[in-house]
Amino acid sequence: MKEGSKFLKSKMFALLVLLLLIVVFFTIASKGTFFSLVNARNILNAIVIVALLTVGAGALMISGQIDLSTGASGTMCGILMAILLVNGWPWPVAVVVALAAGGFVGAINALLINELHFQGFIATMAMASVTQGLSYALGGAASIPVDNKVVVYMGTGRIADVVPVSIIAALLIFFVYGIMLNKTKFGRSIYLVGGNPAAASLVGIDPKRISYILFINSGVLGSLAGCLFAARLKSATTTGIVSSQFAGMTAAILGGVSFGGGSGGMFGAFVGLLILNSFSNGMTLIKISPYWQTFASGALLLFALALDFSGAKKKN
């Protein structure tokens, strides 16, 4: 009984109720179109790219860090993959090089923060500008075609012509990272570093090592998102996934990942992502202007930050 009562008072229950209210409201407003298998697949399909950014951002925020460069660096990596494919490189090599480039950007972020003691916000924002500049230098104004059949299948293929491959990949990544955070020693170390770095050091955990791993991980996931986005469009552009950066952070914070570190999880981040995309999808179905959708996304971020701030004050 106590566990049930605790759950009813939890933020997760509030999020699930909010998701239910969104489903009910838009189902009525769209005259049933929202609540259909086709639209459910559309919502899941739309979360794939942002899901990868959410996982990377969520793990970092749990450790008390932030990365504002993944959207820009992921876009650059998508362009790099496309250029290598156009120049005849085998697709596995092109993809691995792109992922390695994303990991390298993450390592530079970690170096700036841990060795040169830059603020995470400043360091990663600067790297976002650097990688965005590299995107323009590499790609120019024109889009670069991606026509390799295997790569395109990763972004657009469907199992049995029904379930998109990319959806399965995104759900699997959420599951794996959820297990890692909750069931492994490394996952517990991330929470401890985020909640109390000094205590983590006293019990033999190296916060710098955790930071390097998570920043590299964030860069690789951002690169994977950029490559999948290019595969979906069958071309790489300089805009890429830059605009998805804050959506990933919003979903993580909305789902209970604390901006100050030490709390949250992948299931909550996934629910936050569903809320965000269900809301956006519903507004599109009832023909709300895209400008108001942008406004609503910003309002949701403010709401998520307010919840996070309120929760932090209660703990203190």
C-alpha atoms as a PDB file:
ATOM      1  CA  MET A   1       0.000   0.000   0.000  1.00  0.00           C
ATOM      2  CA  LYS A   2       2.820   2.391   0.930  1.00  0.00           C
ATOM      3  CA  GLU A   3       4.579   1.750  -2.379  1.00  0.00           C
ATOM      4  CA  GLY A   4       1.343   2.425  -4.285  1.00  0.00           C
ATOM      5  CA  SER A   5       0.733   5.632  -2.357  1.00  0.00           C
ATOM      6  CA  LYS A   6       4.339   6.735  -2.975  1.00  0.00           C
ATOM      7  CA  PHE A   7       3.972   6.131  -6.709  1.00  0.00           C
ATOM      8  CA  LEU A   8       0.735   8.154  -6.851  1.00  0.00           C
ATOM      9  CA  LYS A   9       2.622  11.111  -5.370  1.00  0.00           C
ATOM     10  CA  SER A  10       5.647  10.698  -7.622  1.00  0.00           C
ATOM     11  CA  LYS A  11       6.643  12.835 -10.581  1.00  0.00           C
ATOM     12  CA  MET A  12       6.476   9.756 -12.825  1.00  0.00           C
ATOM     13  CA  PHE A  13       2.778   9.312 -12.078  1.00  0.00           C
ATOM     14  CA  ALA A  14       2.199  12.998 -12.863  1.00  0.00           C
ATOM     15  CA  LEU A  15       4.030  12.574 -16.187  1.00  0.00           C
ATOM     16  CA  LEU A  16       1.966   9.515 -17.128  1.00  0.00           C
ATOM     17  CA  VAL A  17      -1.237  11.407 -16.286  1.00  0.00           C
ATOM     18  CA  LEU A  18      -0.037  14.340 -18.414  1.00  0.00           C
ATOM     19  CA  LEU A  19       0.668  11.964 -21.319  1.00  0.00           C
ATOM     20  CA  LEU A  20      -2.810  10.441 -20.948  1.00  0.00           C
ATOM     21  CA  LEU A  21      -4.423  13.903 -20.924  1.00  0.00           C
ATOM     22  CA  ILE A  22      -2.526  14.838 -24.096  1.00  0.00           C
ATOM     23  CA  VAL A  23      -3.705  11.628 -25.814  1.00  0.00           C
ATOM     24  CA  VAL A  24      -7.330  12.179 -24.757  1.00  0.00           C
ATOM     25  CA  PHE A  25      -7.362  15.874 -25.701  1.00  0.00           C
ATOM     26  CA  PHE A  26      -5.844  15.464 -29.148  1.00  0.00           C
ATOM     27  CA  THR A  27      -7.880  12.327 -29.886  1.00  0.00           C
ATOM     28  CA  ILE A  28     -11.041  14.376 -29.326  1.00  0.00           C
ATOM     29  CA  ALA A  29      -9.699  17.480 -31.080  1.00  0.00           C
ATOM     30  CA  SER A  30      -8.579  15.495 -34.139  1.00  0.00           C
ATOM     31  CA  LYS A  31     -11.797  13.450 -34.232  1.00  0.00           C
ATOM     32  CA  GLY A  32      -9.981  10.171 -33.577  1.00  0.00           C
ATOM     33  CA  THR A  33      -7.078  10.630 -36.003  1.00  0.00           C
ATOM     34  CA  PHE A  34      -4.537  11.056 -33.198  1.00  0.00           C
ATOM     35  CA  PHE A  35      -5.427   7.740 -31.545  1.00  0.00           C
ATOM     36  CA  SER A  36      -4.591   5.379 -34.398  1.00  0.00           C
ATOM     37  CA  LEU A  37      -1.870   2.820 -35.094  1.00  0.00           C
ATOM     38  CA  VAL A  38      -0.598   4.829 -38.062  1.00  0.00           C
ATOM     39  CA  ASN A  39      -0.248   7.984 -35.995  1.00  0.00           C
ATOM     40  CA  ALA A  40       1.331   6.079 -33.102  1.00  0.00           C
ATOM     41  CA  ARG A  41       3.970   4.843 -35.546  1.00  0.00           C
ATOM     42  CA  ASN A  42       4.426   8.405 -36.805  1.00  0.00           C
ATOM     43  CA  ILE A  43       5.044   9.628 -33.244  1.00  0.00           C
ATOM     44  CA  LEU A  44       7.554   6.860 -32.530  1.00  0.00           C
ATOM     45  CA  ASN A  45       9.237   7.444 -35.876  1.00  0.00           C
ATOM     46  CA  ALA A  46       9.581  11.139 -35.063  1.00  0.00           C
ATOM     47  CA  ILE A  47      11.294  10.491 -31.728  1.00  0.00           C
ATOM     48  CA  VAL A  48      14.171   8.412 -33.120  1.00  0.00           C
ATOM     49  CA  ILE A  49      16.650  11.231 -33.807  1.00  0.00           C
ATOM     50  CA  VAL A  50      15.820  13.172 -30.649  1.00  0.00           C
ATOM     51  CA  ALA A  51      15.898   9.913 -28.639  1.00  0.00           C
ATOM     52  CA  LEU A  52      19.615   9.497 -29.279  1.00  0.00           C
ATOM     53  CA  LEU A  53      20.283  13.069 -28.169  1.00  0.00           C
ATOM     54  CA  THR A  54      18.045  12.564 -25.110  1.00  0.00           C
ATOM     55  CA  VAL A  55      19.972   9.488 -23.983  1.00  0.00           C
ATOM     56  CA  GLY A  56      23.335  11.221 -24.362  1.00  0.00           C
ATOM     57  CA  ALA A  57      22.141  14.435 -22.700  1.00  0.00           C
ATOM     58  CA  GLY A  58      20.319  12.543 -19.951  1.00  0.00           C
ATOM     59  CA  ALA A  59      23.332  10.452 -18.919  1.00  0.00           C
ATOM     60  CA  LEU A  60      25.518  13.572 -18.850  1.00  0.00           C
ATOM     61  CA  MET A  61      23.020  15.601 -16.822  1.00  0.00           C
ATOM     62  CA  ILE A  62      22.714  12.790 -14.270  1.00  0.00           C
ATOM     63  CA  SER A  63      26.489  13.133 -13.803  1.00  0.00           C
ATOM     64  CA  GLY A  64      26.098  16.886 -13.328  1.00  0.00           C
ATOM     65  CA  GLN A  65      27.398  17.908 -16.762  1.00  0.00           C
ATOM     66  CA  ILE A  66      25.856  19.465 -19.877  1.00  0.00           C
ATOM     67  CA  ASP A  67      26.638  19.213 -23.595  1.00  0.00           C
ATOM     68  CA  LEU A  68      25.298  21.883 -25.967  1.00  0.00           C
ATOM     69  CA  SER A  69      27.353  20.704 -28.943  1.00  0.00           C
ATOM     70  CA  THR A  70      25.766  17.382 -29.922  1.00  0.00           C
ATOM     71  CA  GLY A  71      23.280  18.837 -32.423  1.00  0.00           C
ATOM     72  CA  ALA A  72      25.977  20.751 -34.297  1.00  0.00           C
ATOM     73  CA  SER A  73      28.626  18.025 -34.058  1.00  0.00           C
ATOM     74  CA  GLY A  74      26.095  15.360 -35.115  1.00  0.00           C
ATOM     75  CA  THR A  75      25.225  17.459 -38.165  1.00  0.00           C
ATOM     76  CA  MET A  76      28.930  17.751 -39.046  1.00  0.00           C
ATOM     77  CA  CYS A  77      29.375  13.983 -38.677  1.00  0.00           C
ATOM     78  CA  GLY A  78      26.403  13.320 -40.982  1.00  0.00           C
ATOM     79  CA  ILE A  79      28.025  15.554 -43.595  1.00  0.00           C
ATOM     80  CA  LEU A  80      31.372  13.796 -43.105  1.00  0.00           C
ATOM     81  CA  MET A  81      29.747  10.391 -43.642  1.00  0.00           C
ATOM     82  CA  ALA A  82      28.005  11.621 -46.808  1.00  0.00           C
ATOM     83  CA  ILE A  83      31.260  13.051 -48.219  1.00  0.00           C
ATOM     84  CA  LEU A  84      33.114   9.787 -47.577  1.00  0.00           C
ATOM     85  CA  LEU A  85      30.330   7.777 -49.249  1.00  0.00           C
ATOM     86  CA  VAL A  86      30.320  10.089 -52.298  1.00  0.00           C
ATOM     87  CA  ASN A  87      34.081   9.583 -52.569  1.00  0.00           C
ATOM     88  CA  GLY A  88      33.695   5.814 -52.715  1.00  0.00           C
ATOM     89  CA  TRP A  89      34.546   4.801 -49.157  1.00  0.00           C
ATOM     90  CA  PRO A  90      32.917   1.526 -47.980  1.00  0.00           C
ATOM     91  CA  TRP A  91      29.821   2.329 -45.910  1.00  0.00           C
ATOM     92  CA  PRO A  92      31.054   0.609 -42.687  1.00  0.00           C
ATOM     93  CA  VAL A  93      34.265   2.665 -42.763  1.00  0.00           C
ATOM     94  CA  ALA A  94      32.389   5.903 -43.529  1.00  0.00           C
ATOM     95  CA  VAL A  95      29.975   5.327 -40.623  1.00  0.00           C
ATOM     96  CA  VAL A  96      32.742   4.356 -38.169  1.00  0.00           C
ATOM     97  CA  VAL A  97      34.827   7.414 -39.117  1.00  0.00           C
ATOM     98  CA  ALA A  98      31.777   9.654 -38.593  1.00  0.00           C
ATOM     99  CA  LEU A  99      31.062   8.096 -35.188  1.00  0.00           C
ATOM    100  CA  ALA A 100      34.733   8.421 -34.218  1.00  0.00           C
ATOM    101  CA  ALA A 101      34.631  12.109 -35.191  1.00  0.00           C
ATOM    102  CA  GLY A 102      31.677  12.602 -32.853  1.00  0.00           C
ATOM    103  CA  GLY A 103      33.541  10.823 -30.067  1.00  0.00           C
ATOM    104  CA  PHE A 104      36.572  13.029 -30.706  1.00  0.00           C
ATOM    105  CA  VAL A 105      34.463  16.168 -30.303  1.00  0.00           C
ATOM    106  CA  GLY A 106      33.138  14.743 -27.027  1.00  0.00           C
ATOM    107  CA  ALA A 107      36.711  14.071 -25.842  1.00  0.00           C
ATOM    108  CA  ILE A 108      37.689  17.686 -26.605  1.00  0.00           C
ATOM    109  CA  ASN A 109      34.698  18.895 -24.576  1.00  0.00           C
ATOM    110  CA  ALA A 110      35.797  16.731 -21.651  1.00  0.00           C
ATOM    111  CA  LEU A 111      39.383  17.966 -21.961  1.00  0.00           C
ATOM    112  CA  LEU A 112      38.314  21.628 -21.933  1.00  0.00           C
ATOM    113  CA  ILE A 113      36.170  21.057 -18.840  1.00  0.00           C
ATOM    114  CA  ASN A 114      38.373  18.692 -16.836  1.00  0.00           C
ATOM    115  CA  GLU A 115      41.885  19.854 -17.691  1.00  0.00           C
ATOM    116  CA  LEU A 116      41.440  23.525 -18.571  1.00  0.00           C
ATOM    117  CA  HIS A 117      38.540  23.991 -16.127  1.00  0.00           C
ATOM    118  CA  PHE A 118      36.190  25.707 -18.582  1.00  0.00           C
ATOM    119  CA  GLN A 119      32.546  25.922 -17.591  1.00  0.00           C
ATOM    120  CA  GLY A 120      30.627  23.125 -19.331  1.00  0.00           C
ATOM    121  CA  PHE A 121      28.081  25.541 -20.753  1.00  0.00           C
ATOM    122  CA  ILE A 122      30.784  27.749 -22.318  1.00  0.00           C
ATOM    123  CA  ALA A 123      33.028  24.927 -23.537  1.00  0.00           C
ATOM    124  CA  THR A 124      30.291  22.953 -25.284  1.00  0.00           C
ATOM    125  CA  MET A 125      28.635  26.054 -26.727  1.00  0.00           C
ATOM    126  CA  ALA A 126      32.012  27.036 -28.219  1.00  0.00           C
ATOM    127  CA  MET A 127      32.416  23.530 -29.679  1.00  0.00           C
ATOM    128  CA  ALA A 128      28.939  23.844 -31.159  1.00  0.00           C
ATOM    129  CA  SER A 129      30.096  26.962 -33.040  1.00  0.00           C
ATOM    130  CA  VAL A 130      33.315  25.245 -34.151  1.00  0.00           C
ATOM    131  CA  THR A 131      31.551  22.149 -35.485  1.00  0.00           C
ATOM    132  CA  GLN A 132      28.815  24.190 -37.123  1.00  0.00           C
ATOM    133  CA  GLY A 133      31.531  26.172 -38.907  1.00  0.00           C
ATOM    134  CA  LEU A 134      33.155  22.915 -40.008  1.00  0.00           C
ATOM    135  CA  SER A 135      29.788  21.761 -41.365  1.00  0.00           C
ATOM    136  CA  TYR A 136      29.633  24.831 -43.622  1.00  0.00           C
ATOM    137  CA  ALA A 137      33.284  24.378 -44.623  1.00  0.00           C
ATOM    138  CA  LEU A 138      32.779  20.706 -45.501  1.00  0.00           C
ATOM    139  CA  GLY A 139      29.292  20.831 -47.002  1.00  0.00           C
ATOM    140  CA  GLY A 140      29.037  24.329 -48.426  1.00  0.00           C
ATOM    141  CA  ALA A 141      25.580  25.517 -49.362  1.00  0.00           C
ATOM    142  CA  ALA A 142      24.555  22.387 -51.259  1.00  0.00           C
ATOM    143  CA  SER A 143      23.186  19.162 -49.792  1.00  0.00           C
ATOM    144  CA  ILE A 144      25.318  16.044 -50.211  1.00  0.00           C
ATOM    145  CA  PRO A 145      23.478  12.966 -51.488  1.00  0.00           C
ATOM    146  CA  VAL A 146      23.381   9.754 -49.457  1.00  0.00           C
ATOM    147  CA  ASP A 147      22.441   6.929 -51.782  1.00  0.00           C
ATOM    148  CA  ASN A 148      24.147   3.892 -50.258  1.00  0.00           C
ATOM    149  CA  LYS A 149      21.393   1.269 -49.945  1.00  0.00           C
ATOM    150  CA  VAL A 150      22.520  -0.103 -46.563  1.00  0.00           C
ATOM    151  CA  VAL A 151      22.857   3.340 -44.969  1.00  0.00           C
ATOM    152  CA  VAL A 152      19.511   4.495 -46.366  1.00  0.00           C
ATOM    153  CA  TYR A 153      17.893   1.292 -45.053  1.00  0.00           C
ATOM    154  CA  MET A 154      19.148   2.131 -41.547  1.00  0.00           C
ATOM    155  CA  GLY A 155      17.215   5.377 -41.702  1.00  0.00           C
ATOM    156  CA  THR A 156      14.137   4.396 -43.712  1.00  0.00           C
ATOM    157  CA  GLY A 157      13.908   0.581 -43.704  1.00  0.00           C
ATOM    158  CA  ARG A 158      11.030  -1.314 -42.106  1.00  0.00           C
ATOM    159  CA  ILE A 159      10.850  -4.797 -40.652  1.00  0.00           C
ATOM    160  CA  ALA A 160       8.083  -6.737 -42.450  1.00  0.00           C
ATOM    161  CA  ASP A 161       7.188  -3.414 -44.113  1.00  0.00           C
ATOM    162  CA  VAL A 162       5.594  -2.293 -40.855  1.00  0.00           C
ATOM    163  CA  VAL A 163       8.017  -1.383 -38.039  1.00  0.00           C
ATOM    164  CA  PRO A 164      10.818   1.064 -38.901  1.00  0.00           C
ATOM    165  CA  VAL A 165      14.292  -0.295 -38.114  1.00  0.00           C
ATOM    166  CA  SER A 166      15.303   3.021 -36.550  1.00  0.00           C
ATOM    167  CA  ILE A 167      12.461   2.798 -33.991  1.00  0.00           C
ATOM    168  CA  ILE A 168      13.688  -0.617 -32.846  1.00  0.00           C
ATOM    169  CA  ALA A 169      17.232   0.775 -32.563  1.00  0.00           C
ATOM    170  CA  ALA A 170      16.093   3.793 -30.500  1.00  0.00           C
ATOM    171  CA  LEU A 171      13.995   1.668 -28.104  1.00  0.00           C
ATOM    172  CA  LEU A 172      16.883  -0.778 -27.713  1.00  0.00           C
ATOM    173  CA  ILE A 173      19.277   2.071 -26.855  1.00  0.00           C
ATOM    174  CA  PHE A 174      16.864   3.391 -24.207  1.00  0.00           C
ATOM    175  CA  PHE A 175      16.579  -0.118 -22.739  1.00  0.00           C
ATOM    176  CA  VAL A 176      20.335  -0.772 -22.696  1.00  0.00           C
ATOM    177  CA  TYR A 177      21.163   2.596 -21.116  1.00  0.00           C
ATOM    178  CA  GLY A 178      18.353   2.160 -18.587  1.00  0.00           C
ATOM    179  CA  ILE A 179      19.828  -1.191 -17.513  1.00  0.00           C
ATOM    180  CA  MET A 180      23.317   0.320 -17.416  1.00  0.00           C
ATOM    181  CA  LEU A 181      22.254   3.187 -15.146  1.00  0.00           C
ATOM    182  CA  ASN A 182      20.180   1.110 -12.737  1.00  0.00           C
ATOM    183  CA  LYS A 183      21.895  -2.273 -12.622  1.00  0.00           C
ATOM    184  CA  THR A 184      25.636  -1.701 -13.064  1.00  0.00           C
ATOM    185  CA  LYS A 185      28.448  -0.352 -10.901  1.00  0.00           C
ATOM    186  CA  PHE A 186      29.298   2.206 -13.585  1.00  0.00           C
ATOM    187  CA  GLY A 187      25.694   3.459 -13.614  1.00  0.00           C
ATOM    188  CA  ARG A 188      25.689   3.886  -9.841  1.00  0.00           C
ATOM    189  CA  SER A 189      28.973   5.761 -10.160  1.00  0.00           C
ATOM    190  CA  ILE A 190      27.312   8.229 -12.544  1.00  0.00           C
ATOM    191  CA  TYR A 191      24.590   9.004  -9.985  1.00  0.00           C
ATOM    192  CA  LEU A 192      27.121   9.381  -7.194  1.00  0.00           C
ATOM    193  CA  VAL A 193      29.337  11.708  -9.229  1.00  0.00           C
ATOM    194  CA  GLY A 194      26.311  13.832 -10.134  1.00  0.00           C
ATOM    195  CA  GLY A 195      24.914  13.928  -6.620  1.00  0.00           C
ATOM    196  CA  ASN A 196      28.163  14.380  -4.670  1.00  0.00           C
ATOM    197  CA  PRO A 197      31.487  14.493  -6.581  1.00  0.00           C
ATOM    198  CA  ALA A 198      33.523  14.839  -3.375  1.00  0.00           C
ATOM    199  CA  ALA A 199      31.955  11.714  -1.860  1.00  0.00           C
ATOM    200  CA  ALA A 200      32.496   9.878  -5.154  1.00  0.00           C
ATOM    201  CA  SER A 201      36.226  10.668  -5.007  1.00  0.00           C
ATOM    202  CA  LEU A 202      36.419   9.468  -1.395  1.00  0.00           C
ATOM    203  CA  VAL A 203      35.064   6.013  -2.341  1.00  0.00           C
ATOM    204  CA  GLY A 204      37.540   5.610  -5.176  1.00  0.00           C
ATOM    205  CA  ILE A 205      35.479   6.832  -8.141  1.00  0.00           C
ATOM    206  CA  ASP A 206      37.301   9.073 -10.618  1.00  0.00           C
ATOM    207  CA  PRO A 207      34.877  11.861 -11.682  1.00  0.00           C
ATOM    208  CA  LYS A 208      37.193  12.851 -14.562  1.00  0.00           C
ATOM    209  CA  ARG A 209      37.080   9.335 -16.000  1.00  0.00           C
ATOM    210  CA  ILE A 210      33.282   9.300 -15.794  1.00  0.00           C
ATOM    211  CA  SER A 211      33.186  12.722 -17.461  1.00  0.00           C
ATOM    212  CA  TYR A 212      35.412  11.662 -20.367  1.00  0.00           C
ATOM    213  CA  ILE A 213      33.370   8.500 -20.980  1.00  0.00           C
ATOM    214  CA  LEU A 214      30.032  10.317 -20.918  1.00  0.00           C
ATOM    215  CA  PHE A 215      31.145  13.208 -23.132  1.00  0.00           C
ATOM    216  CA  ILE A 216      32.587  10.781 -25.690  1.00  0.00           C
ATOM    217  CA  ASN A 217      29.364   8.756 -25.443  1.00  0.00           C
ATOM    218  CA  SER A 218      27.297  11.913 -26.004  1.00  0.00           C
ATOM    219  CA  GLY A 219      29.390  12.786 -29.058  1.00  0.00           C
ATOM    220  CA  VAL A 220      29.021   9.303 -30.541  1.00  0.00           C
ATOM    221  CA  LEU A 221      25.237   9.270 -29.999  1.00  0.00           C
ATOM    222  CA  GLY A 222      24.987  12.742 -31.530  1.00  0.00           C
ATOM    223  CA  SER A 223      26.974  11.523 -34.524  1.00  0.00           C
ATOM    224  CA  LEU A 224      24.712   8.475 -34.869  1.00  0.00           C
ATOM    225  CA  ALA A 225      21.679  10.794 -34.789  1.00  0.00           C
ATOM    226  CA  GLY A 226      23.244  12.979 -37.511  1.00  0.00           C
ATOM    227  CA  CYS A 227      24.033   9.970 -39.691  1.00  0.00           C
ATOM    228  CA  LEU A 228      20.525   8.515 -39.289  1.00  0.00           C
ATOM    229  CA  PHE A 229      18.980  11.879 -40.114  1.00  0.00           C
ATOM    230  CA  ALA A 230      21.073  12.106 -43.301  1.00  0.00           C
ATOM    231  CA  ALA A 231      20.066   8.538 -44.164  1.00  0.00           C
ATOM    232  CA  ARG A 232      16.374   9.420 -43.727  1.00  0.00           C
ATOM    233  CA  LEU A 233      16.615  12.474 -45.966  1.00  0.00           C
ATOM    234  CA  LYS A 234      18.965  10.651 -48.351  1.00  0.00           C
ATOM    235  CA  SER A 235      21.130  13.757 -48.136  1.00  0.00           C
ATOM    236  CA  ALA A 236      23.246  15.633 -45.598  1.00  0.00           C
ATOM    237  CA  THR A 237      22.683  19.347 -45.052  1.00  0.00           C
ATOM    238  CA  THR A 238      24.270  22.025 -42.895  1.00  0.00           C
ATOM    239  CA  THR A 239      21.072  22.430 -40.876  1.00  0.00           C
ATOM    240  CA  GLY A 240      20.856  18.721 -40.034  1.00  0.00           C
ATOM    241  CA  ILE A 241      19.886  18.024 -36.437  1.00  0.00           C
ATOM    242  CA  VAL A 242      20.979  21.373 -34.960  1.00  0.00           C
ATOM    243  CA  SER A 243      17.400  22.268 -34.020  1.00  0.00           C
ATOM    244  CA  SER A 244      16.944  18.930 -32.212  1.00  0.00           C
ATOM    245  CA  GLN A 245      19.556  19.771 -29.567  1.00  0.00           C
ATOM    246  CA  PHE A 246      17.241  21.442 -27.074  1.00  0.00           C
ATOM    247  CA  ALA A 247      14.406  18.996 -27.728  1.00  0.00           C
ATOM    248  CA  GLY A 248      16.628  16.218 -26.371  1.00  0.00           C
ATOM    249  CA  MET A 249      17.471  18.217 -23.253  1.00  0.00           C
ATOM    250  CA  THR A 250      13.830  19.240 -22.765  1.00  0.00           C
ATOM    251  CA  ALA A 251      12.679  15.613 -22.928  1.00  0.00           C
ATOM    252  CA  ALA A 252      15.313  14.527 -20.408  1.00  0.00           C
ATOM    253  CA  ILE A 253      14.492  17.311 -17.930  1.00  0.00           C
ATOM    254  CA  LEU A 254      10.745  16.904 -18.410  1.00  0.00           C
ATOM    255  CA  GLY A 255      11.195  13.185 -17.707  1.00  0.00           C
ATOM    256  CA  GLY A 256      12.815  13.807 -14.338  1.00  0.00           C
ATOM    257  CA  VAL A 257      16.526  14.071 -15.100  1.00  0.00           C
ATOM    258  CA  SER A 258      17.782  16.777 -12.762  1.00  0.00           C
ATOM    259  CA  PHE A 259      19.676  19.684 -14.307  1.00  0.00           C
ATOM    260  CA  GLY A 260      21.851  19.663 -11.177  1.00  0.00           C
ATOM    261  CA  GLY A 261      22.744  15.985 -11.475  1.00  0.00           C
ATOM    262  CA  GLY A 262      22.289  12.888  -9.327  1.00  0.00           C
ATOM    263  CA  SER A 263      18.739  11.875 -10.240  1.00  0.00           C
ATOM    264  CA  GLY A 264      16.527  10.744 -13.109  1.00  0.00           C
ATOM    265  CA  GLY A 265      16.509   7.778 -15.453  1.00  0.00           C
ATOM    266  CA  MET A 266      15.960   6.578 -18.984  1.00  0.00           C
ATOM    267  CA  PHE A 267      12.338   5.521 -18.511  1.00  0.00           C
ATOM    268  CA  GLY A 268      11.415   9.002 -17.338  1.00  0.00           C
ATOM    269  CA  ALA A 269      13.384  10.526 -20.221  1.00  0.00           C
ATOM    270  CA  PHE A 270      11.487   8.269 -22.643  1.00  0.00           C
ATOM    271  CA  VAL A 271       8.125   9.337 -21.177  1.00  0.00           C
ATOM    272  CA  GLY A 272       9.252  12.969 -21.449  1.00  0.00           C
ATOM    273  CA  LEU A 273      10.122  12.375 -25.083  1.00  0.00           C
ATOM    274  CA  LEU A 274       6.695  10.815 -25.733  1.00  0.00           C
ATOM    275  CA  ILE A 275       4.987  13.811 -24.104  1.00  0.00           C
ATOM    276  CA  LEU A 276       7.007  16.268 -26.168  1.00  0.00           C
ATOM    277  CA  ASN A 277       6.429  14.515 -29.494  1.00  0.00           C
ATOM    278  CA  SER A 278       2.797  13.597 -28.832  1.00  0.00           C
ATOM    279  CA  PHE A 279       2.120  17.254 -28.051  1.00  0.00           C
ATOM    280  CA  SER A 280       3.891  18.411 -31.232  1.00  0.00           C
ATOM    281  CA  ASN A 281       2.168  15.750 -33.360  1.00  0.00           C
ATOM    282  CA  GLY A 282      -1.245  16.636 -31.943  1.00  0.00           C
ATOM    283  CA  MET A 283      -0.767  20.332 -32.672  1.00  0.00           C
ATOM    284  CA  THR A 284       0.159  19.481 -36.266  1.00  0.00           C
ATOM    285  CA  LEU A 285      -2.949  17.294 -36.661  1.00  0.00           C
ATOM    286  CA  ILE A 286      -5.273  20.061 -35.512  1.00  0.00           C
ATOM    287  CA  LYS A 287      -3.429  22.491 -37.800  1.00  0.00           C
ATOM    288  CA  ILE A 288      -1.815  24.771 -35.216  1.00  0.00           C
ATOM    289  CA  SER A 289       0.745  27.146 -36.761  1.00  0.00           C
ATOM    290  CA  PRO A 290       4.388  25.905 -36.609  1.00  0.00           C
ATOM    291  CA  TYR A 291       5.288  29.206 -34.925  1.00  0.00           C
ATOM    292  CA  TRP A 292       2.981  28.407 -32.040  1.00  0.00           C
ATOM    293  CA  GLN A 293       4.451  24.912 -31.905  1.00  0.00           C
ATOM    294  CA  THR A 294       7.883  26.463 -31.371  1.00  0.00           C
ATOM    295  CA  PHE A 295       6.404  28.668 -28.658  1.00  0.00           C
ATOM    296  CA  ALA A 296       4.799  25.642 -27.003  1.00  0.00           C
ATOM    297  CA  SER A 297       8.080  23.696 -27.080  1.00  0.00           C
ATOM    298  CA  GLY A 298       9.820  26.591 -25.345  1.00  0.00           C
ATOM    299  CA  ALA A 299       7.027  26.783 -22.776  1.00  0.00           C
ATOM    300  CA  LEU A 300       7.391  23.056 -22.108  1.00  0.00           C
ATOM    301  CA  LEU A 301      11.138  23.529 -21.502  1.00  0.00           C
ATOM    302  CA  LEU A 302      10.381  26.330 -19.017  1.00  0.00           C
ATOM    303  CA  PHE A 303       7.793  24.093 -17.342  1.00  0.00           C
ATOM    304  CA  ALA A 304      10.321  21.246 -17.115  1.00  0.00           C
ATOM    305  CA  LEU A 305      12.987  23.544 -15.652  1.00  0.00           C
ATOM    306  CA  ALA A 306      10.460  24.920 -13.145  1.00  0.00           C
ATOM    307  CA  LEU A 307       9.612  21.373 -12.013  1.00  0.00           C
ATOM    308  CA  ASP A 308      13.313  20.562 -11.721  1.00  0.00           C
ATOM    309  CA  PHE A 309      13.984  23.728  -9.690  1.00  0.00           C
ATOM    310  CA  SER A 310      10.990  23.056  -7.456  1.00  0.00           C
ATOM    311  CA  GLY A 311      12.148  19.476  -6.824  1.00  0.00           C
ATOM    312  CA  ALA A 312      15.671  20.657  -5.999  1.00  0.00           C
ATOM    313  CA  LYS A 313      14.330  23.206  -3.472  1.00  0.00           C
ATOM    314  CA  LYS A 314      12.235  20.533  -1.740  1.00  0.00           C
ATOM    315  CA  LYS A 315      15.298  18.296  -1.363  1.00  0.00           C
ATOM    316  CA  ASN A 316      17.230  21.132   0.226  1.00  0.00           C
END
